[in-house]
Each structure stands twice: as C-alpha cells, then as structure tokens.
Protein backbone atom coordinates (compact mmCIF):
# COMPACT_ATOMS: atom_id res chain seq x y z
CA UNK A 1 122.14 -143.79 14.65
CA UNK A 2 121.92 -147.80 13.69
CA UNK A 3 124.24 -149.99 11.52
CA UNK A 4 123.74 -151.66 8.58
CA UNK A 5 124.71 -154.78 6.85
CA UNK A 6 124.85 -155.88 3.48
CA UNK A 7 124.09 -159.37 3.10
CA UNK A 8 123.52 -161.86 0.03
CA UNK A 9 120.88 -164.46 0.15
CA UNK A 10 121.69 -167.91 -0.18
CA UNK A 11 117.95 -168.98 -1.69
CA UNK A 12 118.63 -167.19 -5.09
CA UNK A 13 121.47 -166.79 -6.83
CA UNK A 14 120.88 -163.64 -9.54
CA UNK A 15 119.46 -161.69 -6.77
CA UNK A 16 121.15 -158.86 -5.37
CA UNK A 17 122.35 -157.15 -2.07
CA UNK A 18 119.75 -156.33 0.47
CA UNK A 19 119.58 -153.82 3.43
CA UNK A 20 118.61 -155.34 6.30
CA UNK A 21 119.19 -153.74 10.03
CA UNK A 22 121.88 -155.63 12.40
CA UNK A 23 119.58 -155.85 16.13
CA UNK A 24 116.31 -157.43 14.22
CA UNK A 25 117.06 -158.60 11.08
CA UNK A 26 114.48 -157.00 9.17
CA UNK A 27 114.49 -156.35 5.70
CA UNK A 28 114.98 -152.35 6.03
CA UNK A 29 115.25 -151.21 2.08
CA UNK A 30 114.89 -153.74 -0.72
CA UNK A 31 118.17 -152.74 -3.36
CA UNK A 32 116.49 -150.55 -6.31
CA UNK A 33 118.39 -152.15 -8.74
CA UNK A 34 116.37 -155.89 -7.55
CA UNK A 35 113.28 -153.70 -7.64
CA UNK A 36 113.88 -152.75 -11.20
CA UNK A 37 115.05 -155.99 -12.65
CA UNK A 38 111.56 -157.86 -10.57
CA UNK A 39 109.20 -154.99 -12.51
CA UNK A 40 111.43 -155.82 -15.67
CA UNK A 41 110.80 -159.66 -15.36
CA UNK A 42 106.51 -159.01 -14.50
CA UNK A 43 106.24 -156.71 -17.79
CA UNK A 44 108.30 -159.37 -19.74
CA UNK A 45 106.22 -162.19 -18.80
CA UNK A 46 103.67 -163.51 -21.24
CA UNK A 47 101.24 -163.60 -18.85
CA UNK A 48 101.65 -160.15 -18.00
CA UNK A 49 100.80 -159.24 -21.78
CA UNK A 50 97.94 -161.56 -21.30
CA UNK A 51 96.22 -159.72 -18.92
CA UNK A 52 96.60 -156.53 -19.58
CA UNK A 53 94.91 -157.38 -23.39
CA UNK A 54 92.30 -158.48 -21.18
CA UNK A 55 91.68 -155.87 -18.77
CA UNK A 56 91.59 -153.20 -21.43
CA UNK A 57 89.58 -155.35 -23.81
CA UNK A 58 87.42 -154.96 -20.85
CA UNK A 59 87.87 -151.54 -19.78
CA UNK A 60 86.74 -150.67 -23.41
CA UNK A 61 83.43 -152.70 -23.32
CA UNK A 62 82.64 -151.16 -20.03
CA UNK A 63 83.62 -147.36 -20.83
CA UNK A 64 81.00 -148.04 -24.06
CA UNK A 65 78.05 -149.25 -22.08
CA UNK A 66 78.33 -146.31 -19.71
CA UNK A 67 78.59 -143.83 -22.36
CA UNK A 68 75.58 -145.86 -23.84
CA UNK A 69 73.87 -145.51 -20.75
CA UNK A 70 74.56 -142.21 -20.28
CA UNK A 71 73.34 -141.12 -23.50
CA UNK A 72 69.96 -142.71 -22.97
CA UNK A 73 69.56 -141.53 -19.80
CA UNK A 74 70.66 -137.84 -21.54
CA UNK A 75 68.16 -138.41 -24.20
CA UNK A 76 65.22 -139.78 -21.94
CA UNK A 77 65.43 -136.90 -19.50
CA UNK A 78 64.97 -134.17 -22.82
CA UNK A 79 61.95 -136.47 -24.12
CA UNK A 80 60.27 -136.43 -20.71
CA UNK A 81 60.56 -132.73 -20.33
CA UNK A 82 59.71 -131.96 -24.18
CA UNK A 83 56.56 -134.60 -23.46
CA UNK A 84 55.64 -132.55 -19.98
CA UNK A 85 55.91 -129.30 -21.62
CA UNK A 86 53.96 -130.87 -24.65
CA UNK A 87 50.69 -131.51 -22.17
CA UNK A 88 51.38 -128.28 -20.63
CA UNK A 89 51.17 -126.32 -23.52
CA UNK A 90 48.14 -128.42 -24.81
CA UNK A 91 46.38 -128.05 -21.64
CA UNK A 92 46.84 -124.69 -21.46
CA UNK A 93 44.90 -124.60 -24.11
CA UNK A 94 42.33 -126.92 -23.47
CA UNK A 95 42.06 -124.31 -20.37
CA UNK A 96 41.82 -121.54 -22.65
CA UNK A 97 39.06 -122.56 -25.30
CA UNK A 98 36.86 -123.44 -21.90
CA UNK A 99 37.35 -120.10 -20.86
CA UNK A 100 36.13 -118.59 -24.05
CA UNK A 101 34.12 -120.99 -25.42
CA UNK A 102 31.77 -122.03 -23.01
CA UNK A 103 32.85 -118.74 -20.41
CA UNK A 104 31.73 -120.54 -17.34
CA UNK A 105 31.80 -119.11 -13.39
CA UNK A 106 34.00 -119.18 -10.44
CA UNK A 107 32.32 -122.02 -9.16
CA UNK A 108 32.70 -123.85 -12.25
CA UNK A 109 36.05 -122.93 -12.81
CA UNK A 110 37.46 -124.05 -9.13
CA UNK A 111 35.04 -127.64 -9.56
CA UNK A 112 36.34 -128.51 -12.52
CA UNK A 113 40.44 -127.02 -11.25
CA UNK A 114 40.33 -129.50 -8.13
CA UNK A 115 38.59 -132.25 -10.96
CA UNK A 116 41.69 -132.08 -12.61
CA UNK A 117 44.06 -132.05 -9.65
CA UNK A 118 42.89 -135.28 -8.22
CA UNK A 119 42.43 -137.52 -11.61
CA UNK A 120 45.85 -138.25 -10.25
CA UNK A 121 45.26 -139.70 -6.47
CA UNK A 122 41.72 -141.64 -8.40
CA UNK A 123 44.03 -143.07 -10.94
CA UNK A 124 46.09 -144.32 -8.39
CA UNK A 125 44.07 -145.51 -6.19
CA UNK A 126 42.41 -147.52 -8.94
CA UNK A 127 45.54 -149.21 -10.35
CA UNK A 128 46.08 -149.98 -6.01
CA UNK A 129 42.83 -151.34 -6.26
CA UNK A 130 42.95 -153.38 -9.35
CA UNK A 131 46.35 -154.52 -7.91
CA UNK A 132 44.76 -155.73 -4.74
CA UNK A 133 42.47 -157.48 -6.46
CA UNK A 134 44.47 -159.16 -8.65
CA UNK A 135 47.45 -160.85 -6.21
CA UNK A 136 45.39 -160.74 -2.96
CA UNK A 137 42.04 -161.41 -4.17
CA UNK A 138 40.39 -158.35 -2.12
CA UNK A 139 37.78 -155.90 -3.25
CA UNK A 140 36.58 -152.69 -1.40
CA UNK A 141 32.71 -152.46 -2.41
CA UNK A 142 31.70 -148.79 -1.51
CA UNK A 143 27.87 -147.86 -1.14
CA UNK A 144 26.73 -146.51 -4.28
CA UNK A 145 25.92 -142.79 -2.07
CA UNK A 146 28.60 -141.88 -0.92
CA UNK A 147 30.43 -141.34 -4.15
CA UNK A 148 27.46 -139.15 -5.16
CA UNK A 149 27.66 -135.52 -5.01
CA UNK A 150 25.02 -134.60 -2.10
CA UNK A 151 23.00 -132.32 -4.98
CA UNK A 152 22.36 -136.08 -6.71
CA UNK A 153 21.94 -137.82 -3.44
CA UNK A 154 19.16 -134.89 -2.45
CA UNK A 155 17.19 -135.59 -5.69
CA UNK A 156 17.25 -139.79 -5.44
CA UNK A 157 15.87 -139.01 -1.37
CA UNK A 158 12.81 -136.76 -3.32
CA UNK A 159 12.27 -138.90 -5.71
CA UNK A 160 12.96 -141.91 -3.15
CA UNK A 161 10.38 -139.71 -1.01
CA UNK A 162 7.69 -139.33 -3.62
CA UNK A 163 7.82 -142.80 -4.98
CA UNK A 164 7.53 -144.64 -1.35
CA UNK A 165 4.06 -141.27 -0.69
CA UNK A 166 2.95 -142.51 -4.12
CA UNK A 167 3.23 -145.83 -2.82
CA UNK A 168 2.11 -145.63 0.13
CA UNK A 169 -1.33 -143.84 -1.03
CA UNK A 170 -2.33 -146.35 -3.72
CA UNK A 171 -2.06 -149.03 -1.06
CA UNK A 172 -4.75 -146.51 1.61
CA UNK A 173 -6.62 -147.21 -1.69
C-alpha cells in the first residue's frame, strides 16, 4: 500500500490540505471539506444567480415554444385526418349517387375509376411542367393525336379520308 502525505499548498492561505501520492506528487483525491467550501463559494457568487436566472428563463421559453409546436402538430394531424375522411366520405357518396342514377356498365365504371386514380399523376405532371417552363424556359409540346383515345383517332382519320376523297373527286371534275 502506498503512503500518502498531507501537504499544505503555499499559494492560498485559506485552502485546506490535499492528499498527494508520495511517488509522483499527483493529486489522489480532494478533501471533501475543500470541495464543500468551493461549492458554497460558487453558489454564493453573484454571477451564479444571474446565470441560473437567465438559464431558467431561456429554458422556460424553449419549453413553451416546444409545447406550442407539439400542440400545433397534433391539431394539424387531427385536422388532416378529418379532412381525408371527409374527402373519402364525399367521394363515396358521389360514387354511390353516380351508380344509382346513371347505372353504368362495368367498362364505364373501370374507365372512370382509372381516370380518377390517374388524376393526381396528371396534376403532378402539369405542376412540374409549369415549374420547368417558368424557371428553365423549357416546354414540351406533344402531338395532338397522341393524347386522344383510339376511337377519336379513328373518327378523325375517317373524316380526313372522307375529306381527302371528296377533294380528289372534285379535282377530277
């Protein structure tokens, strides 16, 4: 077991003795009475009270702001849930009325269902296209026949063929 010596520090006259190891003169442990005196000196300092008052007021401000944000997010979540349920209820009601009044066949139901399911993708494309046109100046123009249904294309093709044949027959005369 190592021997310890009690030595008095010459720098301060009010310091209590500190225990040192004999071999390397490193501090082994502070005297508990000295720690208590230092604690009391720190607590009774004027700056300590000011710092803790500032810290407590800042902590209270942060706490109030955090509670306000959490309550806002909770209210927003509840509002979004009610909004989505309202949309679902109204959509179901409109769909039921449509089924009862129009009484569509299965092809019309599937076509309408796909139309409404693809509507958000169409809106997203329109939004992104307007964004790119506004900020980059790029615009994509599609062939007008590409966006039409096959039945419409067939009717336009037949109408064009009819007009072409009539114009060629008038030239012959």
